[in-house]
C-alpha cells in the first residue's frame, strides 16, 4: 500500500517537528553543561586563590574586586596572561582573534621594557 503525496508531506512535517524539538533539547543540555563547567571552574579557581592567600576569606566582595583590579589587572598581569595563552595556543572566548592576543602581548612587553609601570 503506497502513501499519498499528502501523507508523505505530513510524515516529513512530523519529522521536522521532532528534529526541531531534539535540536531545542540539545541546545538546552549544552547550555546546562556550559553553566556547570563555569561553576566548577569558578569554584576551583577561587579555591586556589584562598589556598595561597587565606586572608581573602575575610575580605568583602568590594575589597576582593579592588585586590583583583589593583593587584592582578596590571600591565604585568595582562602580559603574563597573554604569554600563558600564547604558549597554550588558546584563543580567549572574548577576543576570538589570535593576532590580537599576540599584539596585546607585544604592546605590554614593549611598555614594560620602556620602564612604564602602572
PDB file of N, CA and C in Angstrom:
ATOM      1  N   UNK A   1       0.832  -1.167   0.000  1.00  0.00           N
ATOM      2  CA  UNK A   1       0.000   0.000   0.000  1.00  0.00           C
ATOM      3  C   UNK A   1       0.888   1.245   0.000  1.00  0.00           C
ATOM      4  N   UNK A   2       0.705   2.065  -0.946  1.00  0.00           N
ATOM      5  CA  UNK A   2       1.526   3.251  -1.150  1.00  0.00           C
ATOM      6  C   UNK A   2       0.877   4.473  -0.502  1.00  0.00           C
ATOM      7  N   UNK A   3       1.705   5.312   0.091  1.00  0.00           N
ATOM      8  CA  UNK A   3       1.211   6.533   0.728  1.00  0.00           C
ATOM      9  C   UNK A   3       0.962   7.588  -0.341  1.00  0.00           C
ATOM     10  N   UNK A   4      -0.025   8.413  -0.074  1.00  0.00           N
ATOM     11  CA  UNK A   4      -0.270   9.521  -0.987  1.00  0.00           C
ATOM     12  C   UNK A   4       0.793  10.586  -0.757  1.00  0.00           C
ATOM     13  N   UNK A   5       0.861  11.504  -1.666  1.00  0.00           N
ATOM     14  CA  UNK A   5       1.838  12.588  -1.542  1.00  0.00           C
ATOM     15  C   UNK A   5       1.558  13.432  -0.306  1.00  0.00           C
ATOM     16  N   UNK A   6       0.318  13.649   0.019  1.00  0.00           N
ATOM     17  CA  UNK A   6      -0.038  14.435   1.201  1.00  0.00           C
ATOM     18  C   UNK A   6       0.369  13.707   2.481  1.00  0.00           C
ATOM     19  N   UNK A   7       0.257  12.384   2.501  1.00  0.00           N
ATOM     20  CA  UNK A   7       0.687  11.613   3.664  1.00  0.00           C
ATOM     21  C   UNK A   7       2.205  11.698   3.829  1.00  0.00           C
ATOM     22  N   UNK A   8       2.906  11.665   2.699  1.00  0.00           N
ATOM     23  CA  UNK A   8       4.361  11.791   2.748  1.00  0.00           C
ATOM     24  C   UNK A   8       4.771  13.172   3.278  1.00  0.00           C
ATOM     25  N   UNK A   9       4.064  14.211   2.816  1.00  0.00           N
ATOM     26  CA  UNK A   9       4.336  15.565   3.289  1.00  0.00           C
ATOM     27  C   UNK A   9       4.070  15.650   4.789  1.00  0.00           C
ATOM     28  N   UNK A  10       2.995  15.053   5.236  1.00  0.00           N
ATOM     29  CA  UNK A  10       2.652  15.044   6.659  1.00  0.00           C
ATOM     30  C   UNK A  10       3.730  14.334   7.476  1.00  0.00           C
ATOM     31  N   UNK A  11       4.221  13.215   6.960  1.00  0.00           N
ATOM     32  CA  UNK A  11       5.300  12.490   7.647  1.00  0.00           C
ATOM     33  C   UNK A  11       6.560  13.346   7.756  1.00  0.00           C
ATOM     34  N   UNK A  12       6.877  14.044   6.689  1.00  0.00           N
ATOM     35  CA  UNK A  12       8.071  14.902   6.691  1.00  0.00           C
ATOM     36  C   UNK A  12       7.883  16.053   7.675  1.00  0.00           C
ATOM     37  N   UNK A  13       6.687  16.642   7.696  1.00  0.00           N
ATOM     38  CA  UNK A  13       6.404  17.709   8.668  1.00  0.00           C
ATOM     39  C   UNK A  13       6.574  17.204  10.091  1.00  0.00           C
ATOM     40  N   UNK A  14       6.127  15.993  10.339  1.00  0.00           N
ATOM     41  CA  UNK A  14       6.253  15.390  11.672  1.00  0.00           C
ATOM     42  C   UNK A  14       7.726  15.176  12.018  1.00  0.00           C
ATOM     43  N   UNK A  15       8.513  14.717  11.057  1.00  0.00           N
ATOM     44  CA  UNK A  15       9.955  14.526  11.284  1.00  0.00           C
ATOM     45  C   UNK A  15      10.634  15.867  11.565  1.00  0.00           C
ATOM     46  N   UNK A  16      10.218  16.904  10.832  1.00  0.00           N
ATOM     47  CA  UNK A  16      10.793  18.237  11.047  1.00  0.00           C
ATOM     48  C   UNK A  16      10.494  18.706  12.470  1.00  0.00           C
ATOM     49  N   UNK A  17       9.264  18.517  12.909  1.00  0.00           N
ATOM     50  CA  UNK A  17       8.886  18.923  14.264  1.00  0.00           C
ATOM     51  C   UNK A  17       9.696  18.157  15.305  1.00  0.00           C
ATOM     52  N   UNK A  18       9.897  16.863  15.080  1.00  0.00           N
ATOM     53  CA  UNK A  18      10.686  16.051  16.008  1.00  0.00           C
ATOM     54  C   UNK A  18      12.137  16.528  16.046  1.00  0.00           C
ATOM     55  N   UNK A  19      12.695  16.828  14.876  1.00  0.00           N
ATOM     56  CA  UNK A  19      14.083  17.305  14.819  1.00  0.00           C
ATOM     57  C   UNK A  19      14.233  18.677  15.487  1.00  0.00           C
ATOM     58  N   UNK A  20      13.238  19.561  15.312  1.00  0.00           N
ATOM     59  CA  UNK A  20      13.294  20.866  15.976  1.00  0.00           C
ATOM     60  C   UNK A  20      13.270  20.702  17.491  1.00  0.00           C
ATOM     61  N   UNK A  21      12.430  19.803  17.963  1.00  0.00           N
ATOM     62  CA  UNK A  21      12.348  19.543  19.400  1.00  0.00           C
ATOM     63  C   UNK A  21      13.674  18.972  19.908  1.00  0.00           C
ATOM     64  N   UNK A  22      14.239  18.050  19.150  1.00  0.00           N
ATOM     65  CA  UNK A  22      15.525  17.451  19.529  1.00  0.00           C
ATOM     66  C   UNK A  22      16.628  18.518  19.550  1.00  0.00           C
ATOM     67  N   UNK A  23      16.618  19.399  18.547  1.00  0.00           N
ATOM     68  CA  UNK A  23      17.595  20.488  18.479  1.00  0.00           C
ATOM     69  C   UNK A  23      17.465  21.393  19.710  1.00  0.00           C
ATOM     70  N   UNK A  24      16.232  21.733  20.075  1.00  0.00           N
ATOM     71  CA  UNK A  24      15.998  22.573  21.252  1.00  0.00           C
ATOM     72  C   UNK A  24      16.506  21.887  22.519  1.00  0.00           C
ATOM     73  N   UNK A  25      16.236  20.603  22.670  1.00  0.00           N
ATOM     74  CA  UNK A  25      16.690  19.871  23.854  1.00  0.00           C
ATOM     75  C   UNK A  25      18.215  19.810  23.914  1.00  0.00           C
ATOM     76  N   UNK A  26      18.854  19.592  22.762  1.00  0.00           N
ATOM     77  CA  UNK A  26      20.320  19.556  22.729  1.00  0.00           C
ATOM     78  C   UNK A  26      20.922  20.916  23.096  1.00  0.00           C
ATOM     79  N   UNK A  27      20.307  21.993  22.621  1.00  0.00           N
ATOM     80  CA  UNK A  27      20.801  23.327  22.973  1.00  0.00           C
ATOM     81  C   UNK A  27      20.638  23.598  24.467  1.00  0.00           C
ATOM     82  N   UNK A  28      19.509  23.178  25.025  1.00  0.00           N
ATOM     83  CA  UNK A  28      19.300  23.356  26.459  1.00  0.00           C
ATOM     84  C   UNK A  28      20.327  22.561  27.256  1.00  0.00           C
ATOM     85  N   UNK A  29      20.595  21.325  26.835  1.00  0.00           N
ATOM     86  CA  UNK A  29      21.577  20.494  27.531  1.00  0.00           C
ATOM     87  C   UNK A  29      22.968  21.102  27.432  1.00  0.00           C
ATOM     88  N   UNK A  30      23.290  21.637  26.245  1.00  0.00           N
ATOM     89  CA  UNK A  30      24.592  22.279  26.057  1.00  0.00           C
ATOM     90  C   UNK A  30      24.732  23.480  26.997  1.00  0.00           C
ATOM     91  N   UNK A  31      23.685  24.299  27.087  1.00  0.00           N
ATOM     92  CA  UNK A  31      23.708  25.447  27.994  1.00  0.00           C
ATOM     93  C   UNK A  31      23.881  25.012  29.438  1.00  0.00           C
ATOM     94  N   UNK A  32      23.180  23.954  29.812  1.00  0.00           N
ATOM     95  CA  UNK A  32      23.284  23.428  31.179  1.00  0.00           C
ATOM     96  C   UNK A  32      24.704  22.932  31.447  1.00  0.00           C
ATOM     97  N   UNK A  33      25.281  22.214  30.493  1.00  0.00           N
ATOM     98  CA  UNK A  33      26.650  21.721  30.644  1.00  0.00           C
ATOM     99  C   UNK A  33      27.648  22.877  30.747  1.00  0.00           C
ATOM    100  N   UNK A  34      27.442  23.930  29.947  1.00  0.00           N
ATOM    101  CA  UNK A  34      28.322  25.101  29.990  1.00  0.00           C
ATOM    102  C   UNK A  34      28.242  25.785  31.359  1.00  0.00           C
ATOM    103  N   UNK A  35      27.036  25.919  31.897  1.00  0.00           N
ATOM    104  CA  UNK A  35      26.881  26.546  33.216  1.00  0.00           C
ATOM    105  C   UNK A  35      27.556  25.714  34.306  1.00  0.00           C
ATOM    106  N   UNK A  36      27.402  24.392  34.228  1.00  0.00           N
ATOM    107  CA  UNK A  36      28.047  23.517  35.214  1.00  0.00           C
ATOM    108  C   UNK A  36      29.565  23.651  35.135  1.00  0.00           C
ATOM    109  N   UNK A  37      30.101  23.668  33.910  1.00  0.00           N
ATOM    110  CA  UNK A  37      31.550  23.790  33.738  1.00  0.00           C
ATOM    111  C   UNK A  37      32.048  25.136  34.266  1.00  0.00           C
ATOM    112  N   UNK A  38      31.289  26.203  34.024  1.00  0.00           N
ATOM    113  CA  UNK A  38      31.675  27.527  34.510  1.00  0.00           C
ATOM    114  C   UNK A  38      31.658  27.564  36.034  1.00  0.00           C
ATOM    115  N   UNK A  39      30.620  27.019  36.626  1.00  0.00           N
ATOM    116  CA  UNK A  39      30.531  26.997  38.085  1.00  0.00           C
ATOM    117  C   UNK A  39      31.692  26.220  38.688  1.00  0.00           C
ATOM    118  N   UNK A  40      32.010  25.074  38.090  1.00  0.00           N
ATOM    119  CA  UNK A  40      33.121  24.264  38.589  1.00  0.00           C
ATOM    120  C   UNK A  40      34.441  25.032  38.459  1.00  0.00           C
ATOM    121  N   UNK A  41      34.625  25.696  37.322  1.00  0.00           N
ATOM    122  CA  UNK A  41      35.851  26.461  37.089  1.00  0.00           C
ATOM    123  C   UNK A  41      35.969  27.611  38.096  1.00  0.00           C
ATOM    124  N   UNK A  42      34.863  28.336  38.311  1.00  0.00           N
ATOM    125  CA  UNK A  42      34.896  29.453  39.262  1.00  0.00           C
ATOM    126  C   UNK A  42      35.217  28.976  40.674  1.00  0.00           C
ATOM    127  N   UNK A  43      34.571  27.900  41.099  1.00  0.00           N
ATOM    128  CA  UNK A  43      34.824  27.371  42.451  1.00  0.00           C
ATOM    129  C   UNK A  43      36.260  26.887  42.587  1.00  0.00           C
ATOM    130  N   UNK A  44      36.750  26.194  41.577  1.00  0.00           N
ATOM    131  CA  UNK A  44      38.104  25.653  41.610  1.00  0.00           C
ATOM    132  C   UNK A  44      39.142  26.784  41.681  1.00  0.00           C
ATOM    133  N   UNK A  45      38.965  27.789  40.837  1.00  0.00           N
ATOM    134  CA  UNK A  45      39.940  28.873  40.791  1.00  0.00           C
ATOM    135  C   UNK A  45      39.895  29.724  42.051  1.00  0.00           C
ATOM    136  N   UNK A  46      38.712  29.973  42.569  1.00  0.00           N
ATOM    137  CA  UNK A  46      38.637  30.751  43.807  1.00  0.00           C
ATOM    138  C   UNK A  46      39.226  29.931  44.962  1.00  0.00           C
ATOM    139  N   UNK A  47      39.019  28.629  44.926  1.00  0.00           N
ATOM    140  CA  UNK A  47      39.619  27.769  45.945  1.00  0.00           C
ATOM    141  C   UNK A  47      41.134  27.848  45.918  1.00  0.00           C
ATOM    142  N   UNK A  48      41.707  27.912  44.716  1.00  0.00           N
ATOM    143  CA  UNK A  48      43.162  28.057  44.609  1.00  0.00           C
ATOM    144  C   UNK A  48      43.616  29.389  45.193  1.00  0.00           C
ATOM    145  N   UNK A  49      42.868  30.452  44.904  1.00  0.00           N
ATOM    146  CA  UNK A  49      43.221  31.762  45.464  1.00  0.00           C
ATOM    147  C   UNK A  49      43.225  31.710  46.988  1.00  0.00           C
ATOM    148  N   UNK A  50      42.174  31.124  47.565  1.00  0.00           N
ATOM    149  CA  UNK A  50      42.092  31.054  49.023  1.00  0.00           C
ATOM    150  C   UNK A  50      43.149  30.129  49.611  1.00  0.00           C
ATOM    151  N   UNK A  51      43.568  29.133  48.841  1.00  0.00           N
ATOM    152  CA  UNK A  51      44.611  28.224  49.318  1.00  0.00           C
ATOM    153  C   UNK A  51      45.926  28.986  49.511  1.00  0.00           C
ATOM    154  N   UNK A  52      46.272  29.826  48.542  1.00  0.00           N
ATOM    155  CA  UNK A  52      47.539  30.545  48.606  1.00  0.00           C
ATOM    156  C   UNK A  52      47.435  31.877  49.336  1.00  0.00           C
ATOM    157  N   UNK A  53      46.223  32.393  49.467  1.00  0.00           N
ATOM    158  CA  UNK A  53      46.011  33.671  50.148  1.00  0.00           C
ATOM    159  C   UNK A  53      44.798  33.537  51.062  1.00  0.00           C
ATOM    160  N   UNK A  54      44.947  32.865  52.203  1.00  0.00           N
ATOM    161  CA  UNK A  54      43.800  32.603  53.077  1.00  0.00           C
ATOM    162  C   UNK A  54      43.114  33.861  53.608  1.00  0.00           C
ATOM    163  N   UNK A  55      43.799  34.984  53.637  1.00  0.00           N
ATOM    164  CA  UNK A  55      43.180  36.221  54.114  1.00  0.00           C
ATOM    165  C   UNK A  55      42.051  36.703  53.201  1.00  0.00           C
ATOM    166  N   UNK A  56      41.987  36.173  51.986  1.00  0.00           N
ATOM    167  CA  UNK A  56      40.898  36.560  51.082  1.00  0.00           C
ATOM    168  C   UNK A  56      39.537  36.163  51.636  1.00  0.00           C
ATOM    169  N   UNK A  57      39.514  35.165  52.501  1.00  0.00           N
ATOM    170  CA  UNK A  57      38.252  34.675  53.056  1.00  0.00           C
ATOM    171  C   UNK A  57      37.543  35.762  53.854  1.00  0.00           C
ATOM    172  N   UNK A  58      38.292  36.601  54.529  1.00  0.00           N
ATOM    173  CA  UNK A  58      37.681  37.566  55.454  1.00  0.00           C
ATOM    174  C   UNK A  58      37.362  38.913  54.828  1.00  0.00           C
ATOM    175  N   UNK A  59      37.772  39.156  53.589  1.00  0.00           N
ATOM    176  CA  UNK A  59      37.517  40.473  52.993  1.00  0.00           C
ATOM    177  C   UNK A  59      36.166  40.487  52.275  1.00  0.00           C
ATOM    178  N   UNK A  60      35.626  41.684  52.083  1.00  0.00           N
ATOM    179  CA  UNK A  60      34.332  41.844  51.412  1.00  0.00           C
ATOM    180  C   UNK A  60      34.508  41.682  49.898  1.00  0.00           C
ATOM    181  N   UNK A  61      33.378  41.588  49.212  1.00  0.00           N
ATOM    182  CA  UNK A  61      33.417  41.482  47.747  1.00  0.00           C
ATOM    183  C   UNK A  61      34.044  42.720  47.115  1.00  0.00           C
ATOM    184  N   UNK A  62      33.740  43.884  47.675  1.00  0.00           N
ATOM    185  CA  UNK A  62      34.301  45.125  47.148  1.00  0.00           C
ATOM    186  C   UNK A  62      35.820  45.148  47.331  1.00  0.00           C
ATOM    187  N   UNK A  63      36.291  44.684  48.487  1.00  0.00           N
ATOM    188  CA  UNK A  63      37.731  44.636  48.747  1.00  0.00           C
ATOM    189  C   UNK A  63      38.403  43.622  47.816  1.00  0.00           C
ATOM    190  N   UNK A  64      37.718  42.513  47.579  1.00  0.00           N
ATOM    191  CA  UNK A  64      38.259  41.491  46.677  1.00  0.00           C
ATOM    192  C   UNK A  64      38.378  42.049  45.259  1.00  0.00           C
ATOM    193  N   UNK A  65      37.351  42.768  44.825  1.00  0.00           N
ATOM    194  CA  UNK A  65      37.394  43.370  43.492  1.00  0.00           C
ATOM    195  C   UNK A  65      38.544  44.363  43.385  1.00  0.00           C
ATOM    196  N   UNK A  66      38.736  45.164  44.425  1.00  0.00           N
ATOM    197  CA  UNK A  66      39.838  46.126  44.437  1.00  0.00           C
ATOM    198  C   UNK A  66      41.182  45.393  44.376  1.00  0.00           C
ATOM    199  N   UNK A  67      41.291  44.301  45.122  1.00  0.00           N
ATOM    200  CA  UNK A  67      42.516  43.494  45.100  1.00  0.00           C
ATOM    201  C   UNK A  67      42.806  42.979  43.692  1.00  0.00           C
ATOM    202  N   UNK A  68      41.784  42.447  43.040  1.00  0.00           N
ATOM    203  CA  UNK A  68      41.964  41.925  41.675  1.00  0.00           C
ATOM    204  C   UNK A  68      42.360  43.052  40.727  1.00  0.00           C
ATOM    205  N   UNK A  69      41.630  44.163  40.814  1.00  0.00           N
ATOM    206  CA  UNK A  69      41.880  45.275  39.905  1.00  0.00           C
ATOM    207  C   UNK A  69      43.273  45.867  40.084  1.00  0.00           C
ATOM    208  N   UNK A  70      43.694  46.050  41.317  1.00  0.00           N
ATOM    209  CA  UNK A  70      44.979  46.708  41.549  1.00  0.00           C
ATOM    210  C   UNK A  70      46.147  45.740  41.666  1.00  0.00           C
ATOM    211  N   UNK A  71      45.866  44.519  42.054  1.00  0.00           N
ATOM    212  CA  UNK A  71      46.965  43.567  42.264  1.00  0.00           C
ATOM    213  C   UNK A  71      47.241  42.657  41.088  1.00  0.00           C
ATOM    214  N   UNK A  72      46.207  42.366  40.326  1.00  0.00           N
ATOM    215  CA  UNK A  72      46.376  41.404  39.236  1.00  0.00           C
ATOM    216  C   UNK A  72      46.134  42.030  37.879  1.00  0.00           C
ATOM    217  N   UNK A  73      45.136  42.888  37.772  1.00  0.00           N
ATOM    218  CA  UNK A  73      44.795  43.506  36.494  1.00  0.00           C
ATOM    219  C   UNK A  73      45.717  44.692  36.238  1.00  0.00           C
ATOM    220  N   UNK A  74      46.986  44.366  36.005  1.00  0.00           N
ATOM    221  CA  UNK A  74      48.010  45.370  35.735  1.00  0.00           C
ATOM    222  C   UNK A  74      48.655  45.047  34.398  1.00  0.00           C
ATOM    223  N   UNK A  75      49.533  45.897  33.947  1.00  0.00           N
ATOM    224  CA  UNK A  75      50.255  45.614  32.700  1.00  0.00           C
ATOM    225  C   UNK A  75      50.991  44.286  32.808  1.00  0.00           C
ATOM    226  N   UNK A  76      51.649  44.092  33.945  1.00  0.00           N
ATOM    227  CA  UNK A  76      52.388  42.845  34.133  1.00  0.00           C
ATOM    228  C   UNK A  76      51.441  41.648  34.138  1.00  0.00           C
ATOM    229  N   UNK A  77      50.316  41.749  34.837  1.00  0.00           N
ATOM    230  CA  UNK A  77      49.356  40.648  34.897  1.00  0.00           C
ATOM    231  C   UNK A  77      48.806  40.316  33.524  1.00  0.00           C
ATOM    232  N   UNK A  78      48.451  41.344  32.748  1.00  0.00           N
ATOM    233  CA  UNK A  78      47.934  41.103  31.387  1.00  0.00           C
ATOM    234  C   UNK A  78      49.020  40.498  30.499  1.00  0.00           C
ATOM    235  N   UNK A  79      50.259  40.953  30.691  1.00  0.00           N
ATOM    236  CA  UNK A  79      51.371  40.415  29.908  1.00  0.00           C
ATOM    237  C   UNK A  79      51.582  38.935  30.199  1.00  0.00           C
ATOM    238  N   UNK A  80      51.588  38.582  31.485  1.00  0.00           N
ATOM    239  CA  UNK A  80      51.772  37.174  31.873  1.00  0.00           C
ATOM    240  C   UNK A  80      50.649  36.310  31.326  1.00  0.00           C
ATOM    241  N   UNK A  81      49.407  36.800  31.415  1.00  0.00           N
ATOM    242  CA  UNK A  81      48.274  36.049  30.894  1.00  0.00           C
ATOM    243  C   UNK A  81      48.396  35.860  29.383  1.00  0.00           C
ATOM    244  N   UNK A  82      48.786  36.901  28.671  1.00  0.00           N
ATOM    245  CA  UNK A  82      48.963  36.801  27.217  1.00  0.00           C
ATOM    246  C   UNK A  82      50.055  35.791  26.875  1.00  0.00           C
ATOM    247  N   UNK A  83      51.137  35.770  27.652  1.00  0.00           N
ATOM    248  CA  UNK A  83      52.211  34.795  27.421  1.00  0.00           C
ATOM    249  C   UNK A  83      51.716  33.372  27.644  1.00  0.00           C
ATOM    250  N   UNK A  84      50.964  33.170  28.710  1.00  0.00           N
ATOM    251  CA  UNK A  84      50.429  31.833  29.013  1.00  0.00           C
ATOM    252  C   UNK A  84      49.486  31.382  27.911  1.00  0.00           C
ATOM    253  N   UNK A  85      48.613  32.281  27.467  1.00  0.00           N
ATOM    254  CA  UNK A  85      47.677  31.947  26.397  1.00  0.00           C
ATOM    255  C   UNK A  85      48.428  31.623  25.115  1.00  0.00           C
ATOM    256  N   UNK A  86      49.442  32.416  24.797  1.00  0.00           N
ATOM    257  CA  UNK A  86      50.215  32.187  23.575  1.00  0.00           C
ATOM    258  C   UNK A  86      50.914  30.834  23.607  1.00  0.00           C
ATOM    259  N   UNK A  87      51.435  30.441  24.776  1.00  0.00           N
ATOM    260  CA  UNK A  87      52.101  29.142  24.897  1.00  0.00           C
ATOM    261  C   UNK A  87      51.123  27.989  24.701  1.00  0.00           C
ATOM    262  N   UNK A  88      49.880  28.172  25.128  1.00  0.00           N
ATOM    263  CA  UNK A  88      48.874  27.123  25.042  1.00  0.00           C
ATOM    264  C   UNK A  88      48.156  27.106  23.696  1.00  0.00           C
ATOM    265  N   UNK A  89      48.409  28.119  22.872  1.00  0.00           N
ATOM    266  CA  UNK A  89      47.702  28.258  21.597  1.00  0.00           C
ATOM    267  C   UNK A  89      46.194  28.254  21.803  1.00  0.00           C
ATOM    268  N   UNK A  90      45.739  28.985  22.821  1.00  0.00           N
ATOM    269  CA  UNK A  90      44.328  29.082  23.155  1.00  0.00           C
ATOM    270  C   UNK A  90      43.863  30.483  22.832  1.00  0.00           C
ATOM    271  N   UNK A  91      42.689  30.573  22.231  1.00  0.00           N
ATOM    272  CA  UNK A  91      42.109  31.870  21.928  1.00  0.00           C
ATOM    273  C   UNK A  91      41.070  32.175  22.998  1.00  0.00           C
ATOM    274  N   UNK A  92      41.252  33.235  23.761  1.00  0.00           N
ATOM    275  CA  UNK A  92      40.255  33.565  24.779  1.00  0.00           C
ATOM    276  C   UNK A  92      38.892  33.794  24.134  1.00  0.00           C
ATOM    277  N   UNK A  93      37.852  33.406  24.836  1.00  0.00           N
ATOM    278  CA  UNK A  93      36.497  33.480  24.297  1.00  0.00           C
ATOM    279  C   UNK A  93      36.093  34.907  23.959  1.00  0.00           C
ATOM    280  N   UNK A  94      36.546  35.878  24.734  1.00  0.00           N
ATOM    281  CA  UNK A  94      36.109  37.246  24.499  1.00  0.00           C
ATOM    282  C   UNK A  94      36.957  37.966  23.455  1.00  0.00           C
ATOM    283  N   UNK A  95      38.040  37.367  22.992  1.00  0.00           N
ATOM    284  CA  UNK A  95      38.876  38.026  21.993  1.00  0.00           C
ATOM    285  C   UNK A  95      38.598  37.437  20.618  1.00  0.00           C
ATOM    286  N   UNK A  96      38.765  36.132  20.476  1.00  0.00           N
ATOM    287  CA  UNK A  96      38.450  35.477  19.217  1.00  0.00           C
ATOM    288  C   UNK A  96      39.414  35.784  18.084  1.00  0.00           C
ATOM    289  N   UNK A  97      40.486  36.504  18.356  1.00  0.00           N
ATOM    290  CA  UNK A  97      41.421  36.882  17.311  1.00  0.00           C
ATOM    291  C   UNK A  97      42.842  36.650  17.813  1.00  0.00           C
ATOM    292  N   UNK A  98      43.522  35.577  17.311  1.00  0.00           N
ATOM    293  CA  UNK A  98      44.862  35.270  17.823  1.00  0.00           C
ATOM    294  C   UNK A  98      45.865  36.393  17.600  1.00  0.00           C
ATOM    295  N   UNK A  99      45.689  37.184  16.533  1.00  0.00           N
ATOM    296  CA  UNK A  99      46.610  38.290  16.307  1.00  0.00           C
ATOM    297  C   UNK A  99      46.459  39.346  17.394  1.00  0.00           C
ATOM    298  N   UNK A 100      45.240  39.513  17.899  1.00  0.00           N
ATOM    299  CA  UNK A 100      45.003  40.499  18.961  1.00  0.00           C
ATOM    300  C   UNK A 100      45.747  40.104  20.224  1.00  0.00           C
ATOM    301  N   UNK A 101      45.761  38.807  20.553  1.00  0.00           N
ATOM    302  CA  UNK A 101      46.468  38.337  21.742  1.00  0.00           C
ATOM    303  C   UNK A 101      47.951  38.606  21.595  1.00  0.00           C
ATOM    304  N   UNK A 102      48.510  38.255  20.442  1.00  0.00           N
ATOM    305  CA  UNK A 102      49.930  38.464  20.189  1.00  0.00           C
ATOM    306  C   UNK A 102      50.254  39.951  20.223  1.00  0.00           C
ATOM    307  N   UNK A 103      49.410  40.781  19.591  1.00  0.00           N
ATOM    308  CA  UNK A 103      49.643  42.221  19.563  1.00  0.00           C
ATOM    309  C   UNK A 103      49.588  42.798  20.967  1.00  0.00           C
ATOM    310  N   UNK A 104      48.584  42.386  21.767  1.00  0.00           N
ATOM    311  CA  UNK A 104      48.485  42.864  23.151  1.00  0.00           C
ATOM    312  C   UNK A 104      49.727  42.498  23.939  1.00  0.00           C
ATOM    313  N   UNK A 105      50.201  41.272  23.773  1.00  0.00           N
ATOM    314  CA  UNK A 105      51.391  40.805  24.489  1.00  0.00           C
ATOM    315  C   UNK A 105      52.602  41.638  24.079  1.00  0.00           C
ATOM    316  N   UNK A 106      52.753  41.880  22.773  1.00  0.00           N
ATOM    317  CA  UNK A 106      53.870  42.676  22.282  1.00  0.00           C
ATOM    318  C   UNK A 106      53.798  44.106  22.816  1.00  0.00           C
ATOM    319  N   UNK A 107      52.594  44.684  22.829  1.00  0.00           N
ATOM    320  CA  UNK A 107      52.427  46.046  23.330  1.00  0.00           C
ATOM    321  C   UNK A 107      52.807  46.145  24.800  1.00  0.00           C
ATOM    322  N   UNK A 108      52.336  45.204  25.602  1.00  0.00           N
ATOM    323  CA  UNK A 108      52.606  45.232  27.038  1.00  0.00           C
ATOM    324  C   UNK A 108      54.089  45.004  27.304  1.00  0.00           C
ATOM    325  N   UNK A 109      54.704  44.074  26.563  1.00  0.00           N
ATOM    326  CA  UNK A 109      56.129  43.823  26.748  1.00  0.00           C
ATOM    327  C   UNK A 109      56.940  45.067  26.404  1.00  0.00           C
ATOM    328  N   UNK A 110      56.551  45.767  25.347  1.00  0.00           N
ATOM    329  CA  UNK A 110      57.256  46.982  24.958  1.00  0.00           C
ATOM    330  C   UNK A 110      57.114  48.042  26.046  1.00  0.00           C
ATOM    331  N   UNK A 111      55.907  48.156  26.623  1.00  0.00           N
ATOM    332  CA  UNK A 111      55.704  49.120  27.704  1.00  0.00           C
ATOM    333  C   UNK A 111      56.542  48.758  28.924  1.00  0.00           C
ATOM    334  N   UNK A 112      56.606  47.458  29.239  1.00  0.00           N
ATOM    335  CA  UNK A 112      57.386  47.014  30.390  1.00  0.00           C
ATOM    336  C   UNK A 112      58.875  47.278  30.194  1.00  0.00           C
ATOM    337  N   UNK A 113      59.355  47.073  28.972  1.00  0.00           N
ATOM    338  CA  UNK A 113      60.762  47.297  28.694  1.00  0.00           C
ATOM    339  C   UNK A 113      61.130  48.769  28.758  1.00  0.00           C
ATOM    340  N   UNK A 114      60.149  49.633  28.443  1.00  0.00           N
ATOM    341  CA  UNK A 114      60.434  51.062  28.474  1.00  0.00           C
ATOM    342  C   UNK A 114      60.414  51.634  29.887  1.00  0.00           C
ATOM    343  N   UNK A 115      60.000  50.779  30.858  1.00  0.00           N
ATOM    344  CA  UNK A 115      60.010  51.207  32.254  1.00  0.00           C
ATOM    345  C   UNK A 115      58.725  51.864  32.695  1.00  0.00           C
ATOM    346  N   UNK A 116      57.693  51.826  31.858  1.00  0.00           N
ATOM    347  CA  UNK A 116      56.388  52.380  32.200  1.00  0.00           C
ATOM    348  C   UNK A 116      55.598  51.379  32.999  1.00  0.00           C
ATOM    349  N   UNK A 117      55.341  51.657  34.283  1.00  0.00           N
ATOM    350  CA  UNK A 117      54.540  50.766  35.127  1.00  0.00           C
ATOM    351  C   UNK A 117      53.318  51.506  35.601  1.00  0.00           C
ATOM    352  N   UNK A 118      52.250  50.741  35.883  1.00  0.00           N
ATOM    353  CA  UNK A 118      51.041  51.350  36.449  1.00  0.00           C
ATOM    354  C   UNK A 118      51.210  51.521  37.929  1.00  0.00           C
TER     355      UNK A 118
END
